[in-house]
N, C-alpha and C. Protein backbone atom coordinates (compact mmCIF):
# COMPACT_ATOMS: atom_id res chain seq x y z
N MET A 1 -32.83 299.01 159.04
CA MET A 1 -32.89 297.98 160.56
C MET A 1 -31.18 298.11 159.55
N GLN A 2 -30.99 296.94 160.01
CA GLN A 2 -29.75 296.28 161.10
C GLN A 2 -29.00 294.64 161.37
N GLY A 3 -28.15 294.27 160.95
CA GLY A 3 -27.82 292.66 161.61
C GLY A 3 -26.69 292.38 161.21
N GLN A 4 -26.43 291.63 161.50
CA GLN A 4 -23.76 290.71 161.93
C GLN A 4 -24.01 289.95 160.85
N CYS A 5 -23.14 290.13 159.99
CA CYS A 5 -22.24 289.00 158.95
C CYS A 5 -22.50 287.51 159.72
N PRO A 6 -22.54 286.78 159.18
CA PRO A 6 -22.12 285.40 160.09
C PRO A 6 -20.70 284.78 159.35
N VAL A 7 -20.03 285.92 158.79
CA VAL A 7 -19.17 285.74 158.23
C VAL A 7 -18.01 286.47 158.30
N CYS A 8 -18.07 288.38 158.54
CA CYS A 8 -17.11 288.69 159.09
C CYS A 8 -17.39 289.41 160.35
N ASP A 9 -18.24 289.25 160.53
CA ASP A 9 -18.91 290.23 161.75
C ASP A 9 -19.49 291.51 161.37
N GLY A 10 -19.01 292.10 160.32
CA GLY A 10 -19.46 293.12 159.74
C GLY A 10 -20.90 293.81 160.62
N THR A 11 -21.11 294.59 160.15
CA THR A 11 -21.98 294.93 160.36
C THR A 11 -23.76 295.04 159.19
N ILE A 12 -24.75 295.18 159.23
CA ILE A 12 -25.13 294.54 157.62
C ILE A 12 -26.09 295.76 158.30
N GLN A 13 -26.52 296.90 157.07
CA GLN A 13 -27.71 297.86 156.65
C GLN A 13 -28.60 297.13 155.27
N VAL A 14 -29.84 297.78 156.08
CA VAL A 14 -31.16 297.16 155.04
C VAL A 14 -32.10 297.94 155.13
N VAL A 15 -33.09 297.89 153.91
CA VAL A 15 -34.36 299.14 153.55
C VAL A 15 -34.87 298.78 154.75
N ASP A 16 -35.49 299.34 155.73
CA ASP A 16 -36.85 298.39 156.38
C ASP A 16 -37.68 297.04 155.84
N ASN A 17 -38.07 297.12 155.00
CA ASN A 17 -39.01 296.67 154.55
C ASN A 17 -38.81 295.27 153.28
N VAL A 18 -37.03 294.95 154.39
CA VAL A 18 -36.27 293.35 153.56
C VAL A 18 -37.17 291.84 154.38
N GLU A 19 -37.43 290.99 152.71
CA GLU A 19 -38.31 289.30 153.61
C GLU A 19 -36.78 288.59 153.89
N ILE A 20 -37.95 287.85 154.56
CA ILE A 20 -37.42 286.70 155.24
C ILE A 20 -37.33 285.58 154.47
N SER A 21 -36.00 284.86 154.44
CA SER A 21 -35.82 284.38 152.27
C SER A 21 -35.02 285.44 151.30
N GLU A 22 -35.63 287.01 151.79
CA GLU A 22 -35.04 287.47 150.43
C GLU A 22 -32.76 287.60 151.02
N VAL A 23 -32.13 287.13 150.19
CA VAL A 23 -31.18 287.19 149.31
C VAL A 23 -29.75 288.69 149.12
N ILE A 24 -29.12 289.11 151.13
CA ILE A 24 -28.39 290.61 150.39
C ILE A 24 -27.12 289.84 150.14
N LYS A 25 -26.76 291.30 150.44
CA LYS A 25 -24.71 291.32 150.02
C LYS A 25 -23.82 291.35 151.31
N CYS A 26 -23.68 291.26 151.84
CA CYS A 26 -22.55 291.97 152.71
C CYS A 26 -22.00 293.26 152.76
N GLN A 27 -21.97 293.90 152.75
CA GLN A 27 -21.39 295.44 151.96
C GLN A 27 -19.48 295.71 152.38
N ASP A 28 -19.60 294.57 154.15
CA ASP A 28 -17.40 294.38 153.47
C ASP A 28 -17.41 293.62 153.01
N CYS A 29 -17.40 292.09 153.07
CA CYS A 29 -17.06 291.52 152.82
C CYS A 29 -17.86 290.05 151.68
N GLN A 30 -18.68 291.53 151.02
CA GLN A 30 -19.79 291.08 149.59
C GLN A 30 -19.85 289.09 149.28
N ASN A 31 -19.93 288.45 150.50
CA ASN A 31 -20.39 287.20 150.46
C ASN A 31 -22.81 287.90 150.53
N SER A 32 -22.90 286.58 149.86
CA SER A 32 -24.25 286.96 150.59
C SER A 32 -24.65 286.17 151.09
N LEU A 33 -25.89 286.67 151.35
CA LEU A 33 -26.26 285.58 153.05
C LEU A 33 -28.05 285.75 152.19
N GLU A 34 -28.77 285.15 153.45
CA GLU A 34 -30.11 284.58 153.17
C GLU A 34 -30.47 286.07 154.32
N VAL A 35 -31.44 286.52 154.55
CA VAL A 35 -32.53 286.65 155.77
C VAL A 35 -32.99 285.26 156.54
N MET A 36 -33.07 285.48 157.37
CA MET A 36 -33.77 284.71 158.52
C MET A 36 -34.96 284.90 159.13
N ALA A 37 -34.75 285.87 159.77
CA ALA A 37 -35.94 286.33 161.01
C ALA A 37 -35.34 288.42 160.32
N VAL A 38 -36.61 288.73 160.68
CA VAL A 38 -37.22 289.90 161.24
C VAL A 38 -37.86 290.57 162.43
N ASP A 39 -37.13 291.36 163.16
CA ASP A 39 -37.34 291.80 164.25
C ASP A 39 -37.68 292.83 164.26
N LYS A 40 -39.71 293.86 163.42
CA LYS A 40 -39.71 295.23 163.41
C LYS A 40 -39.39 295.89 164.84
N ASP A 41 -40.05 295.31 165.34
CA ASP A 41 -39.79 296.24 167.11
C ASP A 41 -38.86 296.54 167.32
N SER A 42 -37.72 295.48 167.49
CA SER A 42 -35.75 296.11 167.38
C SER A 42 -35.52 296.26 166.28
N GLN A 43 -36.18 296.32 165.30
CA GLN A 43 -34.53 297.35 164.05
C GLN A 43 -33.76 296.53 164.02
N ALA A 44 -34.36 294.64 164.06
CA ALA A 44 -33.57 294.09 163.96
C ALA A 44 -33.17 292.84 162.77
N ILE A 45 -32.66 291.61 162.68
CA ILE A 45 -32.28 290.81 161.42
C ILE A 45 -31.33 289.70 161.78
N THR A 46 -31.55 288.62 161.05
CA THR A 46 -30.38 287.83 161.78
C THR A 46 -30.98 287.21 160.40
N VAL A 47 -29.31 287.24 159.81
CA VAL A 47 -28.40 286.14 158.52
C VAL A 47 -28.03 284.96 158.96
N LYS A 48 -27.85 284.28 157.93
CA LYS A 48 -27.34 283.32 157.64
C LYS A 48 -26.59 282.82 156.26
N GLU A 49 -25.26 282.97 155.86
CA GLU A 49 -24.84 282.60 154.73
C GLU A 49 -25.47 282.04 153.25
N ALA A 50 -25.76 282.61 152.54
CA ALA A 50 -26.39 281.68 151.53
C ALA A 50 -25.60 280.86 150.84
N PRO A 51 -26.91 280.05 150.38
CA PRO A 51 -26.67 278.55 149.95
C PRO A 51 -25.60 279.13 148.61
N LYS A 52 -24.43 278.23 148.28
CA LYS A 52 -23.90 278.44 147.20
C LYS A 52 -24.85 278.32 145.71
N VAL A 53 -25.35 278.63 144.47
CA VAL A 53 -25.97 278.57 143.79
C VAL A 53 -24.97 276.43 143.32
N GLU A 54 -26.19 276.00 142.65
CA GLU A 54 -25.21 275.19 142.36
C GLU A 54 -26.41 274.47 140.80
N GLU A 55 -24.49 273.74 139.90
CA GLU A 55 -25.14 273.51 138.82
C GLU A 55 -26.93 273.48 138.38
N ASP A 56 -27.01 271.42 138.67
CA ASP A 56 -28.03 271.95 138.57
C ASP A 56 -29.93 272.62 139.35
N TRP A 57 -29.55 273.34 139.82
CA TRP A 57 -30.46 274.14 140.50
C TRP A 57 -31.75 274.60 138.91
N GLY A 58 -32.47 274.00 139.50
CA GLY A 58 -34.03 274.31 138.18
C GLY A 58 -33.86 273.79 137.46
N GLU A 59 -33.08 272.31 137.08
CA GLU A 59 -33.56 271.58 136.11
C GLU A 59 -34.38 270.62 136.26
């Protein structure tokens, strides 16, 4: 499956069993991206930039 990085416009290749909400890295710019949608028919994913980890997360 593949998608397009919203940060650098690079093509992202991922395994076929990727899941929604999974965090992946762009191979070109190394930004963390969150999978928003998976279209198994067209073998495409939609991603957005993952939120930065905040200091108080999990507290």
